[in-house]
Amino acid sequence: MKKLIVLITAVTMLLMSAIAFAETDISNGNVVAEGVAAPGQLAPNGYRAAKLDAMRNLLEEIGSIRIDSATVVQDAVIKSDVITTKINGLVKGAKVIDKYQDAQGYFHVVVELPVYGGKSSLAAAVLPVKERVNFPEPEKFRTAAPVPAMPTAPSVSEITPPAVTPAAPSYPPTVSAPSVPSVTPPSAPPVAAPQPAPSYTRTPVASGTYTGVIIDCQGLGLQPAMAPAVFTANRQVVYGAEHFSHDEIIAKGYVSYAKNFASGVERAGNNPLIVKASSVEGGCSPVISEADAELILSENKLTGFLNNANVVFVR
């Protein structure tokens, strides 16, 4: 046991000093790592060594996980001894979900750590406790239409009557040629205007019929995070961690992820409002239009789907 604690501490120091890791995908709600030990030893010793290797790999995976647009877990570990201690405890207690010896005699152990799920989750260790705030009012995101300027009537002194010059009579009088009726060729049939692309939002005003919201981030390189936000282009927060209590977040998170619209979007219910993100802030936070922000928040006032965290990001 003492050797195990020493190893975890050493690996944590390695984690703190590392420059960067490849980002870990947490979209399925768990962090999984596998360890391998050399053959030629007794099974108890082989599996013990493989588990230590799995724990080391798990620490590396944890370090690369995004917390929000500006922070990964590695940053939090560097700044806080308390978080380091909590993560050491989580890794030490990680669940073994598989172990086996392959055909070449190598020992394998696979461990798993939940991202959410209560006080034994990664979220409980790294997410700070903050005061909850209400969702912003929809009108905050409304852009007023510009009022056209009224034309200014000219003053009387500025009005000059046109000069009239009498025409001199011509001698002898001129005789105009007979007019020839003009022939207008038939006009070409009108060309149909191209149809606009279908809108992601299905109604221009709140209807109270939506069960959740799906934000389409396909093609924007969105990466899963533990505490993402939804912004407008001028960086006003529409939806984020500040709208939930710490216990609500660590219980199940407030966003789920899907790779397409066919599966993994159940969290948004059977009649989701779908909007398209224009870009991604900090790699993990979708940016949407002010019109979509107003519509989402207006719907939430009628149905409360944001309060229930019925939000899915499609990657």
C-alpha atoms as a PDB file:
ATOM      1  CA  MET A   1       0.000   0.000   0.000  1.00  0.00           C
ATOM      2  CA  LYS A   2       2.814   2.420   0.823  1.00  0.00           C
ATOM      3  CA  LYS A   3       4.439   1.719  -2.562  1.00  0.00           C
ATOM      4  CA  LEU A   4       1.094   2.434  -4.239  1.00  0.00           C
ATOM      5  CA  ILE A   5       0.788   5.831  -2.552  1.00  0.00           C
ATOM      6  CA  VAL A   6       4.358   6.724  -3.465  1.00  0.00           C
ATOM      7  CA  LEU A   7       3.754   5.779  -7.093  1.00  0.00           C
ATOM      8  CA  ILE A   8       0.554   7.823  -7.319  1.00  0.00           C
ATOM      9  CA  THR A   9       2.302  10.826  -5.813  1.00  0.00           C
ATOM     10  CA  ALA A  10       5.181  10.508  -8.264  1.00  0.00           C
ATOM     11  CA  VAL A  11       2.843  10.218 -11.206  1.00  0.00           C
ATOM     12  CA  THR A  12       0.890  13.256 -10.000  1.00  0.00           C
ATOM     13  CA  MET A  13       4.102  15.266  -9.991  1.00  0.00           C
ATOM     14  CA  LEU A  14       4.721  14.049 -13.539  1.00  0.00           C
ATOM     15  CA  LEU A  15       1.211  15.143 -14.446  1.00  0.00           C
ATOM     16  CA  MET A  16       1.821  18.598 -12.991  1.00  0.00           C
ATOM     17  CA  SER A  17       5.072  19.070 -14.856  1.00  0.00           C
ATOM     18  CA  ALA A  18       3.831  17.800 -18.228  1.00  0.00           C
ATOM     19  CA  ILE A  19       3.309  20.408 -20.918  1.00  0.00           C
ATOM     20  CA  ALA A  20       0.199  19.000 -22.590  1.00  0.00           C
ATOM     21  CA  PHE A  21      -1.761  15.848 -23.253  1.00  0.00           C
ATOM     22  CA  ALA A  22      -4.077  14.846 -26.046  1.00  0.00           C
ATOM     23  CA  GLU A  23      -7.617  15.745 -25.043  1.00  0.00           C
ATOM     24  CA  THR A  24      -9.676  12.926 -23.582  1.00  0.00           C
ATOM     25  CA  ASP A  25     -13.203  12.330 -24.823  1.00  0.00           C
ATOM     26  CA  ILE A  26     -15.636  12.269 -21.881  1.00  0.00           C
ATOM     27  CA  SER A  27     -18.799  12.225 -23.986  1.00  0.00           C
ATOM     28  CA  ASN A  28     -19.777   8.805 -22.644  1.00  0.00           C
ATOM     29  CA  GLY A  29     -19.539   9.998 -19.027  1.00  0.00           C
ATOM     30  CA  ASN A  30     -16.481   7.970 -17.977  1.00  0.00           C
ATOM     31  CA  VAL A  31     -12.696   8.089 -18.138  1.00  0.00           C
ATOM     32  CA  VAL A  32     -11.225   4.689 -19.041  1.00  0.00           C
ATOM     33  CA  ALA A  33      -7.579   3.610 -19.019  1.00  0.00           C
ATOM     34  CA  GLU A  34      -5.783   0.311 -19.542  1.00  0.00           C
ATOM     35  CA  GLY A  35      -2.544  -0.905 -17.970  1.00  0.00           C
ATOM     36  CA  VAL A  36      -0.238  -3.687 -19.131  1.00  0.00           C
ATOM     37  CA  ALA A  37       2.378  -5.734 -17.259  1.00  0.00           C
ATOM     38  CA  ALA A  38       5.059  -8.035 -18.623  1.00  0.00           C
ATOM     39  CA  PRO A  39       4.571 -11.821 -18.706  1.00  0.00           C
ATOM     40  CA  GLY A  40       6.648 -14.331 -16.768  1.00  0.00           C
ATOM     41  CA  GLN A  41       5.374 -13.546 -13.254  1.00  0.00           C
ATOM     42  CA  LEU A  42       2.747 -14.884 -10.933  1.00  0.00           C
ATOM     43  CA  ALA A  43      -0.783 -13.771 -11.773  1.00  0.00           C
ATOM     44  CA  PRO A  44      -1.339 -11.704  -8.561  1.00  0.00           C
ATOM     45  CA  ASN A  45       1.898  -9.802  -9.165  1.00  0.00           C
ATOM     46  CA  GLY A  46       1.167  -9.360 -12.878  1.00  0.00           C
ATOM     47  CA  TYR A  47      -2.303  -7.959 -12.312  1.00  0.00           C
ATOM     48  CA  ARG A  48      -1.032  -5.689  -9.532  1.00  0.00           C
ATOM     49  CA  ALA A  49       1.618  -4.272 -11.837  1.00  0.00           C
ATOM     50  CA  ALA A  50      -0.918  -3.867 -14.659  1.00  0.00           C
ATOM     51  CA  LYS A  51      -3.257  -1.998 -12.317  1.00  0.00           C
ATOM     52  CA  LEU A  52      -0.490   0.413 -11.306  1.00  0.00           C
ATOM     53  CA  ASP A  53       0.165   1.056 -14.990  1.00  0.00           C
ATOM     54  CA  ALA A  54      -3.562   1.594 -15.569  1.00  0.00           C
ATOM     55  CA  MET A  55      -3.679   4.117 -12.726  1.00  0.00           C
ATOM     56  CA  ARG A  56      -0.736   6.002 -14.215  1.00  0.00           C
ATOM     57  CA  ASN A  57      -2.488   6.101 -17.568  1.00  0.00           C
ATOM     58  CA  LEU A  58      -5.717   7.188 -15.886  1.00  0.00           C
ATOM     59  CA  LEU A  59      -3.927  10.165 -14.332  1.00  0.00           C
ATOM     60  CA  GLU A  60      -2.669  11.204 -17.751  1.00  0.00           C
ATOM     61  CA  GLU A  61      -6.163  10.899 -19.214  1.00  0.00           C
ATOM     62  CA  ILE A  62      -7.645  12.960 -16.386  1.00  0.00           C
ATOM     63  CA  GLY A  63      -5.046  15.691 -16.814  1.00  0.00           C
ATOM     64  CA  SER A  64      -6.114  16.406 -20.402  1.00  0.00           C
ATOM     65  CA  ILE A  65      -9.846  16.716 -19.701  1.00  0.00           C
ATOM     66  CA  ARG A  66     -11.324  20.151 -20.339  1.00  0.00           C
ATOM     67  CA  ILE A  67     -13.083  21.843 -17.451  1.00  0.00           C
ATOM     68  CA  ASP A  68     -14.152  24.927 -19.408  1.00  0.00           C
ATOM     69  CA  SER A  69     -13.013  27.084 -22.318  1.00  0.00           C
ATOM     70  CA  ALA A  70      -9.791  28.134 -20.577  1.00  0.00           C
ATOM     71  CA  THR A  71      -8.875  25.302 -18.188  1.00  0.00           C
ATOM     72  CA  VAL A  72      -7.989  21.623 -18.213  1.00  0.00           C
ATOM     73  CA  VAL A  73      -7.719  19.431 -15.128  1.00  0.00           C
ATOM     74  CA  GLN A  74      -3.921  19.643 -15.288  1.00  0.00           C
ATOM     75  CA  ASP A  75      -4.205  23.410 -14.638  1.00  0.00           C
ATOM     76  CA  ALA A  76      -6.402  22.840 -11.592  1.00  0.00           C
ATOM     77  CA  VAL A  77      -3.979  20.243 -10.217  1.00  0.00           C
ATOM     78  CA  ILE A  78      -1.053  22.662 -10.523  1.00  0.00           C
ATOM     79  CA  LYS A  79      -2.939  25.390  -8.663  1.00  0.00           C
ATOM     80  CA  SER A  80      -4.458  23.365  -5.824  1.00  0.00           C
ATOM     81  CA  ASP A  81      -3.029  20.770  -3.453  1.00  0.00           C
ATOM     82  CA  VAL A  82      -6.586  20.006  -2.354  1.00  0.00           C
ATOM     83  CA  ILE A  83      -7.585  18.989  -5.888  1.00  0.00           C
ATOM     84  CA  THR A  84      -4.387  16.931  -6.213  1.00  0.00           C
ATOM     85  CA  THR A  85      -5.274  15.022  -3.045  1.00  0.00           C
ATOM     86  CA  LYS A  86      -8.838  14.433  -4.210  1.00  0.00           C
ATOM     87  CA  ILE A  87      -7.708  13.120  -7.602  1.00  0.00           C
ATOM     88  CA  ASN A  88      -5.168  10.806  -5.957  1.00  0.00           C
ATOM     89  CA  GLY A  89      -7.995   9.355  -3.891  1.00  0.00           C
ATOM     90  CA  LEU A  90     -10.233   8.920  -6.939  1.00  0.00           C
ATOM     91  CA  VAL A  91      -7.519   7.176  -8.955  1.00  0.00           C
ATOM     92  CA  LYS A  92      -6.674   4.897  -6.054  1.00  0.00           C
ATOM     93  CA  GLY A  93     -10.325   3.869  -5.850  1.00  0.00           C
ATOM     94  CA  ALA A  94     -10.931   3.586  -9.597  1.00  0.00           C
ATOM     95  CA  LYS A  95     -13.144   0.658 -10.541  1.00  0.00           C
ATOM     96  CA  VAL A  96     -11.551  -2.301 -12.326  1.00  0.00           C
ATOM     97  CA  ILE A  97     -13.933  -3.159 -15.158  1.00  0.00           C
ATOM     98  CA  ASP A  98     -11.804  -5.814 -16.890  1.00  0.00           C
ATOM     99  CA  LYS A  99      -8.629  -7.829 -16.442  1.00  0.00           C
ATOM    100  CA  TYR A 100      -7.153 -10.635 -18.509  1.00  0.00           C
ATOM    101  CA  GLN A 101      -3.958 -12.291 -19.688  1.00  0.00           C
ATOM    102  CA  ASP A 102      -3.454 -12.308 -23.448  1.00  0.00           C
ATOM    103  CA  ALA A 103      -2.031 -15.087 -25.646  1.00  0.00           C
ATOM    104  CA  GLN A 104       1.512 -13.745 -25.231  1.00  0.00           C
ATOM    105  CA  GLY A 105       1.222 -13.821 -21.449  1.00  0.00           C
ATOM    106  CA  TYR A 106       0.897 -10.046 -20.859  1.00  0.00           C
ATOM    107  CA  PHE A 107      -1.385  -8.978 -18.031  1.00  0.00           C
ATOM    108  CA  HIS A 108      -4.056  -6.354 -18.756  1.00  0.00           C
ATOM    109  CA  VAL A 109      -6.185  -4.334 -16.328  1.00  0.00           C
ATOM    110  CA  VAL A 110      -8.815  -1.771 -17.388  1.00  0.00           C
ATOM    111  CA  VAL A 111      -9.998   0.846 -14.880  1.00  0.00           C
ATOM    112  CA  GLU A 112     -12.834   3.365 -15.053  1.00  0.00           C
ATOM    113  CA  LEU A 113     -13.630   6.639 -13.287  1.00  0.00           C
ATOM    114  CA  PRO A 114     -17.028   8.377 -13.614  1.00  0.00           C
ATOM    115  CA  VAL A 115     -17.021  12.006 -14.692  1.00  0.00           C
ATOM    116  CA  TYR A 116     -20.332  12.638 -12.906  1.00  0.00           C
ATOM    117  CA  GLY A 117     -22.354  10.697 -10.388  1.00  0.00           C
ATOM    118  CA  GLY A 118     -21.939  12.257  -6.978  1.00  0.00           C
ATOM    119  CA  LYS A 119     -19.109  12.816  -4.528  1.00  0.00           C
ATOM    120  CA  SER A 120     -16.934  10.001  -5.915  1.00  0.00           C
ATOM    121  CA  SER A 121     -16.864  11.554  -9.404  1.00  0.00           C
ATOM    122  CA  LEU A 122     -14.209  13.625 -11.120  1.00  0.00           C
ATOM    123  CA  ALA A 123     -16.601  16.581 -11.247  1.00  0.00           C
ATOM    124  CA  ALA A 124     -16.840  16.612  -7.467  1.00  0.00           C
ATOM    125  CA  ALA A 125     -13.052  16.828  -7.219  1.00  0.00           C
ATOM    126  CA  VAL A 126     -12.358  19.618  -9.708  1.00  0.00           C
ATOM    127  CA  LEU A 127     -15.463  21.789 -10.159  1.00  0.00           C
ATOM    128  CA  PRO A 128     -15.632  24.728  -7.728  1.00  0.00           C
ATOM    129  CA  VAL A 129     -18.719  25.546  -5.666  1.00  0.00           C
ATOM    130  CA  LYS A 130     -20.302  28.752  -6.957  1.00  0.00           C
ATOM    131  CA  GLU A 131     -23.456  30.686  -6.215  1.00  0.00           C
ATOM    132  CA  ARG A 132     -26.253  29.831  -8.595  1.00  0.00           C
ATOM    133  CA  VAL A 133     -27.726  32.619 -10.742  1.00  0.00           C
ATOM    134  CA  ASN A 134     -30.951  32.790 -12.733  1.00  0.00           C
ATOM    135  CA  PHE A 135     -31.104  32.473 -16.490  1.00  0.00           C
ATOM    136  CA  PRO A 136     -30.947  35.838 -18.285  1.00  0.00           C
ATOM    137  CA  GLU A 137     -34.126  37.417 -19.595  1.00  0.00           C
ATOM    138  CA  PRO A 138     -34.788  36.728 -23.293  1.00  0.00           C
ATOM    139  CA  GLU A 139     -35.117  40.439 -24.075  1.00  0.00           C
ATOM    140  CA  LYS A 140     -31.473  40.931 -23.150  1.00  0.00           C
ATOM    141  CA  PHE A 141     -30.485  39.372 -26.464  1.00  0.00           C
ATOM    142  CA  ARG A 142     -32.951  41.242 -28.642  1.00  0.00           C
ATOM    143  CA  THR A 143     -31.375  43.556 -31.206  1.00  0.00           C
ATOM    144  CA  ALA A 144     -33.487  46.640 -31.874  1.00  0.00           C
ATOM    145  CA  ALA A 145     -34.170  47.391 -35.564  1.00  0.00           C
ATOM    146  CA  PRO A 146     -32.796  50.774 -36.672  1.00  0.00           C
ATOM    147  CA  VAL A 147     -35.397  53.528 -37.098  1.00  0.00           C
ATOM    148  CA  PRO A 148     -35.199  55.072 -40.621  1.00  0.00           C
ATOM    149  CA  ALA A 149     -34.566  58.828 -40.686  1.00  0.00           C
ATOM    150  CA  MET A 150     -37.486  61.005 -41.817  1.00  0.00           C
ATOM    151  CA  PRO A 151     -36.809  63.114 -44.959  1.00  0.00           C
ATOM    152  CA  THR A 152     -36.482  66.866 -44.318  1.00  0.00           C
ATOM    153  CA  ALA A 153     -38.894  69.076 -46.264  1.00  0.00           C
ATOM    154  CA  PRO A 154     -37.164  71.951 -48.139  1.00  0.00           C
ATOM    155  CA  SER A 155     -37.846  75.533 -46.992  1.00  0.00           C
ATOM    156  CA  VAL A 156     -39.845  77.946 -49.139  1.00  0.00           C
ATOM    157  CA  SER A 157     -36.739  79.944 -50.042  1.00  0.00           C
ATOM    158  CA  GLU A 158     -35.117  76.764 -51.383  1.00  0.00           C
ATOM    159  CA  ILE A 159     -37.945  76.099 -53.864  1.00  0.00           C
ATOM    160  CA  THR A 160     -37.176  77.652 -57.271  1.00  0.00           C
ATOM    161  CA  PRO A 161     -39.901  77.439 -59.957  1.00  0.00           C
ATOM    162  CA  PRO A 162     -38.624  76.072 -63.276  1.00  0.00           C
ATOM    163  CA  ALA A 163     -37.982  78.657 -65.983  1.00  0.00           C
ATOM    164  CA  VAL A 164     -40.491  78.588 -68.850  1.00  0.00           C
ATOM    165  CA  THR A 165     -39.306  79.677 -72.308  1.00  0.00           C
ATOM    166  CA  PRO A 166     -42.028  80.082 -74.967  1.00  0.00           C
ATOM    167  CA  ALA A 167     -41.337  78.072 -78.086  1.00  0.00           C
ATOM    168  CA  ALA A 168     -40.984  80.087 -81.316  1.00  0.00           C
ATOM    169  CA  PRO A 169     -43.371  79.070 -84.144  1.00  0.00           C
ATOM    170  CA  SER A 170     -41.732  77.346 -87.038  1.00  0.00           C
ATOM    171  CA  TYR A 171     -42.400  78.346 -90.695  1.00  0.00           C
ATOM    172  CA  PRO A 172     -43.456  76.593 -92.722  1.00  0.00           C
ATOM    173  CA  PRO A 173     -45.247  74.331 -90.258  1.00  0.00           C
ATOM    174  CA  THR A 174     -43.703  70.930 -89.917  1.00  0.00           C
ATOM    175  CA  VAL A 175     -45.677  67.813 -90.767  1.00  0.00           C
ATOM    176  CA  SER A 176     -44.977  64.839 -88.568  1.00  0.00           C
ATOM    177  CA  ALA A 177     -44.542  61.447 -90.160  1.00  0.00           C
ATOM    178  CA  PRO A 178     -47.238  58.866 -89.469  1.00  0.00           C
ATOM    179  CA  SER A 179     -46.470  56.857 -86.390  1.00  0.00           C
ATOM    180  CA  VAL A 180     -45.644  53.170 -86.739  1.00  0.00           C
ATOM    181  CA  PRO A 181     -47.094  50.960 -84.011  1.00  0.00           C
ATOM    182  CA  SER A 182     -44.363  49.405 -81.952  1.00  0.00           C
ATOM    183  CA  VAL A 183     -44.234  45.642 -81.603  1.00  0.00           C
ATOM    184  CA  THR A 184     -43.195  44.319 -78.188  1.00  0.00           C
ATOM    185  CA  PRO A 185     -41.612  40.848 -78.301  1.00  0.00           C
ATOM    186  CA  PRO A 186     -43.074  38.345 -75.844  1.00  0.00           C
ATOM    187  CA  SER A 187     -41.326  38.445 -72.473  1.00  0.00           C
ATOM    188  CA  ALA A 188     -39.390  35.452 -71.220  1.00  0.00           C
ATOM    189  CA  PRO A 189     -41.069  33.457 -68.423  1.00  0.00           C
ATOM    190  CA  PRO A 190     -39.965  34.649 -64.947  1.00  0.00           C
ATOM    191  CA  VAL A 191     -37.145  32.708 -63.292  1.00  0.00           C
ATOM    192  CA  ALA A 192     -38.111  31.323 -59.882  1.00  0.00           C
ATOM    193  CA  ALA A 193     -36.085  32.794 -57.039  1.00  0.00           C
ATOM    194  CA  PRO A 194     -33.934  30.278 -55.133  1.00  0.00           C
ATOM    195  CA  GLN A 195     -35.582  28.976 -51.985  1.00  0.00           C
ATOM    196  CA  PRO A 196     -33.887  29.906 -48.709  1.00  0.00           C
ATOM    197  CA  ALA A 197     -32.299  27.170 -46.627  1.00  0.00           C
ATOM    198  CA  PRO A 198     -34.664  25.765 -44.003  1.00  0.00           C
ATOM    199  CA  SER A 199     -34.406  27.396 -40.607  1.00  0.00           C
ATOM    200  CA  TYR A 200     -33.224  25.343 -37.651  1.00  0.00           C
ATOM    201  CA  THR A 201     -35.772  27.020 -35.406  1.00  0.00           C
ATOM    202  CA  ARG A 202     -39.272  25.937 -36.286  1.00  0.00           C
ATOM    203  CA  THR A 203     -41.215  28.924 -34.953  1.00  0.00           C
ATOM    204  CA  PRO A 204     -40.263  32.602 -34.838  1.00  0.00           C
ATOM    205  CA  VAL A 205     -41.763  33.028 -31.369  1.00  0.00           C
ATOM    206  CA  ALA A 206     -41.959  30.873 -28.265  1.00  0.00           C
ATOM    207  CA  SER A 207     -44.612  28.158 -28.471  1.00  0.00           C
ATOM    208  CA  GLY A 208     -44.148  26.230 -25.237  1.00  0.00           C
ATOM    209  CA  THR A 209     -44.008  22.915 -27.091  1.00  0.00           C
ATOM    210  CA  TYR A 210     -40.292  22.110 -27.005  1.00  0.00           C
ATOM    211  CA  THR A 211     -38.830  19.516 -24.648  1.00  0.00           C
ATOM    212  CA  GLY A 212     -35.166  20.526 -24.887  1.00  0.00           C
ATOM    213  CA  VAL A 213     -32.578  22.041 -27.164  1.00  0.00           C
ATOM    214  CA  ILE A 214     -30.002  20.540 -29.519  1.00  0.00           C
ATOM    215  CA  ILE A 215     -27.134  22.767 -30.622  1.00  0.00           C
ATOM    216  CA  ASP A 216     -25.639  21.597 -33.900  1.00  0.00           C
ATOM    217  CA  CYS A 217     -21.836  22.036 -33.698  1.00  0.00           C
ATOM    218  CA  GLN A 218     -20.915  19.665 -36.516  1.00  0.00           C
ATOM    219  CA  GLY A 219     -17.797  20.666 -38.409  1.00  0.00           C
ATOM    220  CA  LEU A 220     -16.690  23.197 -35.772  1.00  0.00           C
ATOM    221  CA  GLY A 221     -14.246  20.977 -33.861  1.00  0.00           C
ATOM    222  CA  LEU A 222     -16.183  21.006 -30.589  1.00  0.00           C
ATOM    223  CA  GLN A 223     -14.485  19.091 -27.743  1.00  0.00           C
ATOM    224  CA  PRO A 224     -16.408  17.757 -24.712  1.00  0.00           C
ATOM    225  CA  ALA A 225     -15.884  19.629 -21.442  1.00  0.00           C
ATOM    226  CA  MET A 226     -17.116  19.365 -17.872  1.00  0.00           C
ATOM    227  CA  ALA A 227     -18.335  22.963 -17.606  1.00  0.00           C
ATOM    228  CA  PRO A 228     -18.976  24.414 -21.082  1.00  0.00           C
ATOM    229  CA  ALA A 229     -21.181  27.417 -21.824  1.00  0.00           C
ATOM    230  CA  VAL A 230     -23.329  28.711 -24.649  1.00  0.00           C
ATOM    231  CA  PHE A 231     -22.424  32.235 -25.782  1.00  0.00           C
ATOM    232  CA  THR A 232     -23.623  34.828 -28.257  1.00  0.00           C
ATOM    233  CA  ALA A 233     -21.129  36.450 -30.631  1.00  0.00           C
ATOM    234  CA  ASN A 234     -20.493  39.306 -28.186  1.00  0.00           C
ATOM    235  CA  ARG A 235     -19.791  36.710 -25.466  1.00  0.00           C
ATOM    236  CA  GLN A 236     -22.977  37.047 -23.451  1.00  0.00           C
ATOM    237  CA  VAL A 237     -23.645  33.804 -21.539  1.00  0.00           C
ATOM    238  CA  VAL A 238     -26.905  32.104 -22.490  1.00  0.00           C
ATOM    239  CA  TYR A 239     -26.395  28.800 -20.641  1.00  0.00           C
ATOM    240  CA  GLY A 240     -23.631  27.604 -18.343  1.00  0.00           C
ATOM    241  CA  ALA A 241     -22.463  26.185 -15.026  1.00  0.00           C
ATOM    242  CA  GLU A 242     -23.534  29.291 -13.101  1.00  0.00           C
ATOM    243  CA  HIS A 243     -27.176  28.354 -13.713  1.00  0.00           C
ATOM    244  CA  PHE A 244     -26.900  25.152 -11.636  1.00  0.00           C
ATOM    245  CA  SER A 245     -25.945  24.222  -8.112  1.00  0.00           C
ATOM    246  CA  HIS A 246     -22.762  22.236  -7.464  1.00  0.00           C
ATOM    247  CA  ASP A 247     -24.781  19.163  -6.482  1.00  0.00           C
ATOM    248  CA  GLU A 248     -26.840  19.316  -9.697  1.00  0.00           C
ATOM    249  CA  ILE A 249     -23.713  19.486 -11.841  1.00  0.00           C
ATOM    250  CA  ILE A 250     -21.814  16.654 -10.175  1.00  0.00           C
ATOM    251  CA  ALA A 251     -24.917  14.451 -10.207  1.00  0.00           C
ATOM    252  CA  LYS A 252     -25.276  14.265 -13.999  1.00  0.00           C
ATOM    253  CA  GLY A 253     -23.708  17.327 -15.620  1.00  0.00           C
ATOM    254  CA  TYR A 254     -25.808  19.807 -17.563  1.00  0.00           C
ATOM    255  CA  VAL A 255     -24.870  18.921 -21.181  1.00  0.00           C
ATOM    256  CA  SER A 256     -24.663  15.651 -23.047  1.00  0.00           C
ATOM    257  CA  TYR A 257     -22.911  14.980 -26.355  1.00  0.00           C
ATOM    258  CA  ALA A 258     -23.899  13.156 -29.519  1.00  0.00           C
ATOM    259  CA  LYS A 259     -22.073  12.463 -32.775  1.00  0.00           C
ATOM    260  CA  ASN A 260     -25.211  12.790 -34.906  1.00  0.00           C
ATOM    261  CA  PHE A 261     -28.955  13.364 -34.654  1.00  0.00           C
ATOM    262  CA  ALA A 262     -29.785   9.661 -34.874  1.00  0.00           C
ATOM    263  CA  SER A 263     -28.603   8.602 -31.418  1.00  0.00           C
ATOM    264  CA  GLY A 264     -27.446  10.082 -28.139  1.00  0.00           C
ATOM    265  CA  VAL A 265     -29.877  13.012 -28.235  1.00  0.00           C
ATOM    266  CA  GLU A 266     -32.503  11.534 -25.899  1.00  0.00           C
ATOM    267  CA  ARG A 267     -31.693  14.084 -23.203  1.00  0.00           C
ATOM    268  CA  ALA A 268     -33.373  16.795 -25.313  1.00  0.00           C
ATOM    269  CA  GLY A 269     -36.705  14.940 -25.331  1.00  0.00           C
ATOM    270  CA  ASN A 270     -39.009  13.980 -28.178  1.00  0.00           C
ATOM    271  CA  ASN A 271     -39.544  17.505 -29.562  1.00  0.00           C
ATOM    272  CA  PRO A 272     -36.241  19.380 -29.300  1.00  0.00           C
ATOM    273  CA  LEU A 273     -35.580  22.876 -30.542  1.00  0.00           C
ATOM    274  CA  ILE A 274     -32.605  22.690 -32.922  1.00  0.00           C
ATOM    275  CA  VAL A 275     -30.271  25.637 -33.481  1.00  0.00           C
ATOM    276  CA  LYS A 276     -27.014  25.914 -35.390  1.00  0.00           C
ATOM    277  CA  ALA A 277     -23.831  27.158 -33.743  1.00  0.00           C
ATOM    278  CA  SER A 278     -21.825  29.642 -35.786  1.00  0.00           C
ATOM    279  CA  SER A 279     -18.510  28.917 -34.062  1.00  0.00           C
ATOM    280  CA  VAL A 280     -16.941  27.443 -30.914  1.00  0.00           C
ATOM    281  CA  GLU A 281     -15.435  29.488 -28.095  1.00  0.00           C
ATOM    282  CA  GLY A 282     -12.303  28.038 -26.480  1.00  0.00           C
ATOM    283  CA  GLY A 283     -12.754  24.676 -28.148  1.00  0.00           C
ATOM    284  CA  CYS A 284     -15.804  23.635 -26.107  1.00  0.00           C
ATOM    285  CA  SER A 285     -18.476  26.375 -25.918  1.00  0.00           C
ATOM    286  CA  PRO A 286     -20.898  26.906 -28.829  1.00  0.00           C
ATOM    287  CA  VAL A 287     -21.618  30.429 -30.089  1.00  0.00           C
ATOM    288  CA  ILE A 288     -25.178  31.079 -31.313  1.00  0.00           C
ATOM    289  CA  SER A 289     -27.074  34.063 -32.720  1.00  0.00           C
ATOM    290  CA  GLU A 290     -28.887  36.554 -30.492  1.00  0.00           C
ATOM    291  CA  ALA A 291     -32.180  35.582 -32.143  1.00  0.00           C
ATOM    292  CA  ASP A 292     -31.669  31.916 -31.219  1.00  0.00           C
ATOM    293  CA  ALA A 293     -30.608  32.907 -27.698  1.00  0.00           C
ATOM    294  CA  GLU A 294     -33.813  34.888 -27.230  1.00  0.00           C
ATOM    295  CA  LEU A 295     -35.943  32.033 -28.570  1.00  0.00           C
ATOM    296  CA  ILE A 296     -34.263  29.403 -26.350  1.00  0.00           C
ATOM    297  CA  LEU A 297     -34.692  31.516 -23.215  1.00  0.00           C
ATOM    298  CA  SER A 298     -38.295  32.391 -24.128  1.00  0.00           C
ATOM    299  CA  GLU A 299     -39.111  28.695 -24.516  1.00  0.00           C
ATOM    300  CA  ASN A 300     -37.415  27.959 -21.206  1.00  0.00           C
ATOM    301  CA  LYS A 301     -39.684  30.434 -19.430  1.00  0.00           C
ATOM    302  CA  LEU A 302     -42.653  28.414 -20.696  1.00  0.00           C
ATOM    303  CA  THR A 303     -41.390  24.852 -20.219  1.00  0.00           C
ATOM    304  CA  GLY A 304     -38.232  24.999 -18.039  1.00  0.00           C
ATOM    305  CA  PHE A 305     -36.201  22.609 -20.189  1.00  0.00           C
ATOM    306  CA  LEU A 306     -32.958  24.473 -19.449  1.00  0.00           C
ATOM    307  CA  ASN A 307     -33.604  24.175 -15.720  1.00  0.00           C
ATOM    308  CA  ASN A 308     -33.823  20.418 -16.259  1.00  0.00           C
ATOM    309  CA  ALA A 309     -30.561  20.447 -18.273  1.00  0.00           C
ATOM    310  CA  ASN A 310     -32.244  19.002 -21.382  1.00  0.00           C
ATOM    311  CA  VAL A 311     -29.400  20.182 -23.606  1.00  0.00           C
ATOM    312  CA  VAL A 312     -27.372  18.225 -26.188  1.00  0.00           C
ATOM    313  CA  PHE A 313     -24.380  19.327 -28.252  1.00  0.00           C
ATOM    314  CA  VAL A 314     -24.068  17.437 -31.557  1.00  0.00           C
ATOM    315  CA  ARG A 315     -20.406  17.218 -32.547  1.00  0.00           C
END
